[in-house]
Amino acid sequence: MSAIRVGVIGAAGRMGREVVKAVESVDDLELVAALRRTDRLESLTRAGVQVAVELTHPDAVMDHLEFCVRNGIHGVVGTTGWTDERLNTLRGWLAASPRTGMLVGPLSVGAVLTMRLARYAARWFESVEVVEMHHPDKADAPSGAAVRTARLIAEARREAGRAAQPDATTAALAGARGADVEGVPVHAVRARGLVAHQEVIFGGTGETLTIRHDSMDRVCFTPGFLLGVRRVGSVPGLTLGLESFMDLD
């Protein structure tokens, strides 16, 4: 079987450099395009890219993905800043290109397992809050991983018939209780020296449970990207989250 032809959009960035090295280190993938900020997207089609890895900025990602879908190029998207409106726009583009697949969402194996464990725990505890910590160069807050974690927790709580969380706060500075994601408070910390970290703190009568994931180096994301590149071409349409490719069930 021939190697999958891969292009990286944002190849000069910190995460982009790691993905480039990872693709070049395996035999079943071939790096045929590594785009920097000033490079034209047409380089992808000229190189015959089959799967593009998108690692740029929320301000640029939609234009890049529209080009990929229009040209039948599958995508693995590490850029964050996703909203329901943006996801619906991407779904519309994919509907017009029914053989094209796009993977969007957290691409760290550890982060995905954190979410899965948090979803299991959510039905058993009265209270839950999410704290995510990243470097100060990150463009969005809260992180996409934290928002997805909170939504999965909220879904599990609804399925279990859980009531709204208790919170007697009547006076607070704006933002002190974090962002409200479907009833789950999510707090964002930004500080130099951090990479990507997340805690999910559960509380019940007489006990707490903390699930924590720490990314110490961006290289930890590369197994997820490689898995996504290998699988996305066989799953048309939009896939949210790497867990769909991890055969967890």
Protein backbone atom coordinates (compact mmCIF):
# COMPACT_ATOMS: atom_id res chain seq x y z
CA MET A 1 0.00 0.00 0.00
CA SER A 2 1.35 3.42 -0.94
CA ALA A 3 2.06 6.02 1.72
CA ILE A 4 -0.56 8.68 2.51
CA ARG A 5 0.52 12.03 1.05
CA VAL A 6 0.43 14.62 3.85
CA GLY A 7 0.58 18.40 3.87
CA VAL A 8 1.06 20.52 7.00
CA ILE A 9 -0.45 24.01 7.07
CA GLY A 10 1.41 25.98 9.71
CA ALA A 11 4.57 23.91 9.43
CA ALA A 12 6.80 26.64 10.90
CA GLY A 13 4.92 26.87 14.19
CA ARG A 14 5.89 25.01 17.35
CA MET A 15 3.25 22.32 16.91
CA GLY A 16 3.73 22.29 13.15
CA ARG A 17 7.43 21.47 13.47
CA GLU A 18 6.62 18.51 15.73
CA VAL A 19 4.03 17.15 13.30
CA VAL A 20 6.45 17.52 10.38
CA LYS A 21 9.07 15.50 12.26
CA ALA A 22 6.51 12.88 13.24
CA VAL A 23 5.25 12.40 9.69
CA GLU A 24 8.80 12.14 8.37
CA SER A 25 9.64 9.48 10.98
CA VAL A 26 7.14 6.85 9.79
CA ASP A 27 7.01 4.76 6.63
CA ASP A 28 3.28 4.82 5.90
CA LEU A 29 3.05 8.62 5.61
CA GLU A 30 4.87 10.91 3.18
CA LEU A 31 5.30 14.66 3.80
CA VAL A 32 4.80 16.31 0.41
CA ALA A 33 3.95 19.89 1.46
CA ALA A 34 4.96 22.02 4.47
CA LEU A 35 3.26 25.41 4.24
CA ARG A 36 4.42 28.51 6.06
CA ARG A 37 2.36 31.66 6.58
CA THR A 38 3.20 33.21 3.19
CA ASP A 39 2.80 30.01 1.13
CA ARG A 40 -0.22 29.63 -1.12
CA LEU A 41 -2.76 26.88 -0.50
CA GLU A 42 -2.48 25.80 -4.12
CA SER A 43 0.77 24.13 -3.07
CA LEU A 44 -1.40 21.41 -1.53
CA THR A 45 -3.09 20.48 -4.77
CA ARG A 46 0.10 20.73 -6.81
CA ALA A 47 1.78 18.30 -4.40
CA GLY A 48 -1.14 15.87 -4.53
CA VAL A 49 -1.86 16.12 -0.81
CA GLN A 50 -4.43 13.60 0.41
CA VAL A 51 -4.60 14.70 4.06
CA ALA A 52 -3.83 18.19 5.34
CA VAL A 53 -2.95 18.88 8.97
CA GLU A 54 -4.15 22.38 9.91
CA LEU A 55 -2.19 24.12 12.68
CA THR A 56 -2.56 27.86 12.30
CA HIS A 57 -4.90 30.35 14.01
CA PRO A 58 -8.67 30.65 14.53
CA ASP A 59 -8.67 33.70 12.24
CA ALA A 60 -7.29 31.68 9.31
CA VAL A 61 -8.54 28.13 9.80
CA MET A 62 -11.91 28.47 8.04
CA ASP A 63 -10.40 29.75 4.78
CA HIS A 64 -7.91 26.90 4.84
CA LEU A 65 -10.54 24.24 5.44
CA GLU A 66 -12.87 25.63 2.77
CA PHE A 67 -10.03 25.26 0.26
CA CYS A 68 -9.31 21.70 1.41
CA VAL A 69 -12.93 20.56 1.24
CA ARG A 70 -13.45 22.20 -2.13
CA ASN A 71 -10.47 20.26 -3.46
CA GLY A 72 -11.35 16.94 -1.81
CA ILE A 73 -8.46 17.05 0.67
CA HIS A 74 -9.14 15.37 4.02
CA GLY A 75 -8.22 17.35 7.12
CA VAL A 76 -6.91 16.84 10.66
CA VAL A 77 -7.44 20.10 12.51
CA GLY A 78 -5.45 21.05 15.59
CA THR A 79 -6.42 24.71 15.52
CA THR A 80 -8.91 25.61 18.25
CA GLY A 81 -11.49 28.38 18.69
CA TRP A 82 -14.45 26.35 17.39
CA THR A 83 -18.05 27.48 17.82
CA ASP A 84 -21.31 25.79 16.88
CA GLU A 85 -21.66 28.26 14.01
CA ARG A 86 -18.25 27.38 12.62
CA LEU A 87 -18.88 23.65 12.95
CA ASN A 88 -22.19 23.99 11.11
CA THR A 89 -20.47 25.92 8.33
CA LEU A 90 -17.90 23.15 7.99
CA ARG A 91 -20.67 20.53 7.94
CA GLY A 92 -22.29 22.44 5.07
CA TRP A 93 -19.08 22.41 3.05
CA LEU A 94 -18.60 18.69 3.70
CA ALA A 95 -22.17 17.94 2.60
CA ALA A 96 -21.19 19.27 -0.83
CA SER A 97 -18.08 17.03 -0.84
CA PRO A 98 -19.46 13.76 0.55
CA ARG A 99 -16.24 11.76 0.23
CA THR A 100 -14.14 14.21 2.25
CA GLY A 101 -13.42 13.67 5.95
CA MET A 102 -12.48 16.22 8.61
CA LEU A 103 -11.30 15.48 12.15
CA VAL A 104 -11.67 18.43 14.54
CA GLY A 105 -11.05 18.44 18.24
CA PRO A 106 -8.58 17.56 20.95
CA LEU A 107 -5.86 15.37 19.46
CA SER A 108 -3.96 14.35 22.58
CA VAL A 109 -4.54 10.74 23.61
CA GLY A 110 -4.24 11.74 27.27
CA ALA A 111 -6.71 14.60 26.89
CA VAL A 112 -9.22 12.31 25.19
CA LEU A 113 -8.94 9.73 27.96
CA THR A 114 -9.38 12.52 30.54
CA MET A 115 -12.64 13.46 28.86
CA ARG A 116 -13.83 9.88 28.75
CA LEU A 117 -13.05 9.33 32.44
CA ALA A 118 -14.71 12.63 33.34
CA ARG A 119 -17.84 11.60 31.48
CA TYR A 120 -17.97 8.33 33.42
CA ALA A 121 -17.55 10.13 36.75
CA ALA A 122 -19.98 12.96 36.04
CA ARG A 123 -23.15 11.07 36.93
CA TRP A 124 -21.86 10.19 40.42
CA PHE A 125 -20.92 13.60 41.85
CA GLU A 126 -22.97 16.61 42.91
CA SER A 127 -20.42 19.23 41.85
CA VAL A 128 -17.87 19.55 39.06
CA GLU A 129 -15.60 22.30 37.74
CA VAL A 130 -12.98 22.36 34.99
CA VAL A 131 -9.69 24.26 35.20
CA GLU A 132 -7.50 24.49 32.10
CA MET A 133 -4.00 26.01 32.05
CA HIS A 134 -2.06 27.06 28.97
CA HIS A 135 0.77 29.32 27.83
CA PRO A 136 -0.15 33.01 27.32
CA ASP A 137 0.24 32.83 23.52
CA LYS A 138 -2.94 30.78 23.20
CA ALA A 139 -5.62 32.68 21.28
CA ASP A 140 -8.80 31.24 22.77
CA ALA A 141 -10.13 30.87 26.30
CA PRO A 142 -11.38 28.51 27.54
CA SER A 143 -9.55 25.94 25.44
CA GLY A 144 -11.47 23.80 22.99
CA ALA A 145 -10.57 20.71 25.03
CA ALA A 146 -12.00 22.24 28.21
CA VAL A 147 -15.22 23.26 26.48
CA ARG A 148 -15.65 19.78 25.02
CA THR A 149 -14.93 18.23 28.41
CA ALA A 150 -17.58 20.41 30.04
CA ARG A 151 -20.14 19.55 27.36
CA LEU A 152 -19.53 15.82 27.77
CA ILE A 153 -19.90 16.20 31.54
CA ALA A 154 -23.12 18.17 31.13
CA GLU A 155 -24.51 15.54 28.76
CA ALA A 156 -23.73 12.76 31.24
CA ARG A 157 -25.36 14.71 34.08
CA ARG A 158 -28.52 15.24 32.03
CA GLU A 159 -28.68 11.55 31.13
CA ALA A 160 -28.36 10.69 34.83
CA GLY A 161 -31.07 13.15 35.82
CA ARG A 162 -28.68 15.25 37.87
CA ALA A 163 -30.02 18.58 39.20
CA ALA A 164 -28.18 21.85 38.66
CA GLN A 165 -25.04 22.18 40.75
CA PRO A 166 -25.36 23.89 44.14
CA ASP A 167 -23.80 27.36 44.27
CA ALA A 168 -24.74 29.91 46.91
CA THR A 169 -22.71 32.73 45.34
CA THR A 170 -24.68 35.98 45.37
CA ALA A 171 -21.84 38.50 44.97
CA ALA A 172 -18.77 38.03 42.77
CA LEU A 173 -16.40 39.92 40.54
CA ALA A 174 -17.13 39.40 36.86
CA GLY A 175 -15.65 36.09 35.73
CA ALA A 176 -14.77 34.89 39.21
CA ARG A 177 -16.87 31.73 38.78
CA GLY A 178 -15.47 31.07 35.31
CA ALA A 179 -17.29 30.57 32.04
CA ASP A 180 -20.59 28.69 32.18
CA VAL A 181 -20.57 25.81 29.70
CA GLU A 182 -23.97 24.12 29.93
CA GLY A 183 -23.96 24.55 33.70
CA VAL A 184 -20.34 23.49 34.24
CA PRO A 185 -17.92 26.25 35.39
CA VAL A 186 -14.74 26.36 33.29
CA HIS A 187 -11.73 28.41 34.40
CA ALA A 188 -8.81 29.43 32.15
CA VAL A 189 -5.29 30.12 33.46
CA ARG A 190 -2.61 31.65 31.22
CA ALA A 191 1.03 31.74 32.35
CA ARG A 192 4.47 31.50 30.78
CA GLY A 193 6.01 28.07 31.29
CA LEU A 194 2.77 26.14 30.89
CA VAL A 195 2.08 24.00 27.80
CA ALA A 196 -1.39 22.41 28.10
CA HIS A 197 -2.93 21.20 31.35
CA GLN A 198 -6.44 20.38 32.53
CA GLU A 199 -8.06 19.41 35.82
CA VAL A 200 -11.60 18.18 36.31
CA ILE A 201 -12.58 18.49 39.97
CA PHE A 202 -15.59 16.52 41.20
CA GLY A 203 -17.14 16.97 44.62
CA GLY A 204 -19.59 14.89 46.64
CA THR A 205 -20.47 14.45 50.26
CA GLY A 206 -17.22 13.85 52.16
CA GLU A 207 -15.02 13.32 49.10
CA THR A 208 -13.52 14.84 45.97
CA LEU A 209 -12.09 13.31 42.82
CA THR A 210 -9.59 15.11 40.59
CA ILE A 211 -8.74 13.93 37.07
CA ARG A 212 -5.70 15.77 35.72
CA HIS A 213 -3.82 15.69 32.44
CA ASP A 214 -0.49 17.46 31.86
CA SER A 215 1.19 17.98 28.51
CA MET A 216 4.86 18.67 29.26
CA ASP A 217 6.00 18.82 25.64
CA ARG A 218 4.13 19.31 22.37
CA VAL A 219 5.55 16.04 21.10
CA CYS A 220 2.85 14.31 23.18
CA PHE A 221 0.25 15.42 20.63
CA THR A 222 1.91 13.72 17.66
CA PRO A 223 0.53 10.17 18.20
CA GLY A 224 -2.98 11.62 18.01
CA PHE A 225 -2.20 13.54 14.84
CA LEU A 226 -0.70 10.47 13.20
CA LEU A 227 -3.73 8.37 14.14
CA GLY A 228 -6.02 11.05 12.72
CA VAL A 229 -4.08 11.27 9.46
CA ARG A 230 -4.26 7.50 9.03
CA ARG A 231 -7.99 7.21 9.76
CA VAL A 232 -9.70 10.39 8.57
CA GLY A 233 -9.78 9.43 4.90
CA SER A 234 -11.96 6.41 5.67
CA VAL A 235 -14.57 8.40 7.62
CA PRO A 236 -16.36 10.97 5.41
CA GLY A 237 -17.95 14.02 7.00
CA LEU A 238 -17.13 15.77 10.26
CA THR A 239 -15.65 13.83 13.18
CA LEU A 240 -15.45 15.64 16.52
CA GLY A 241 -12.75 14.31 18.79
CA LEU A 242 -10.01 11.75 18.40
CA GLU A 243 -11.93 9.27 20.57
CA SER A 244 -13.94 8.25 17.51
CA PHE A 245 -10.73 6.73 16.07
CA MET A 246 -9.42 5.17 19.31
CA ASP A 247 -11.85 2.23 19.53
CA LEU A 248 -12.40 2.92 23.23
CA ASP A 249 -15.60 0.89 23.40
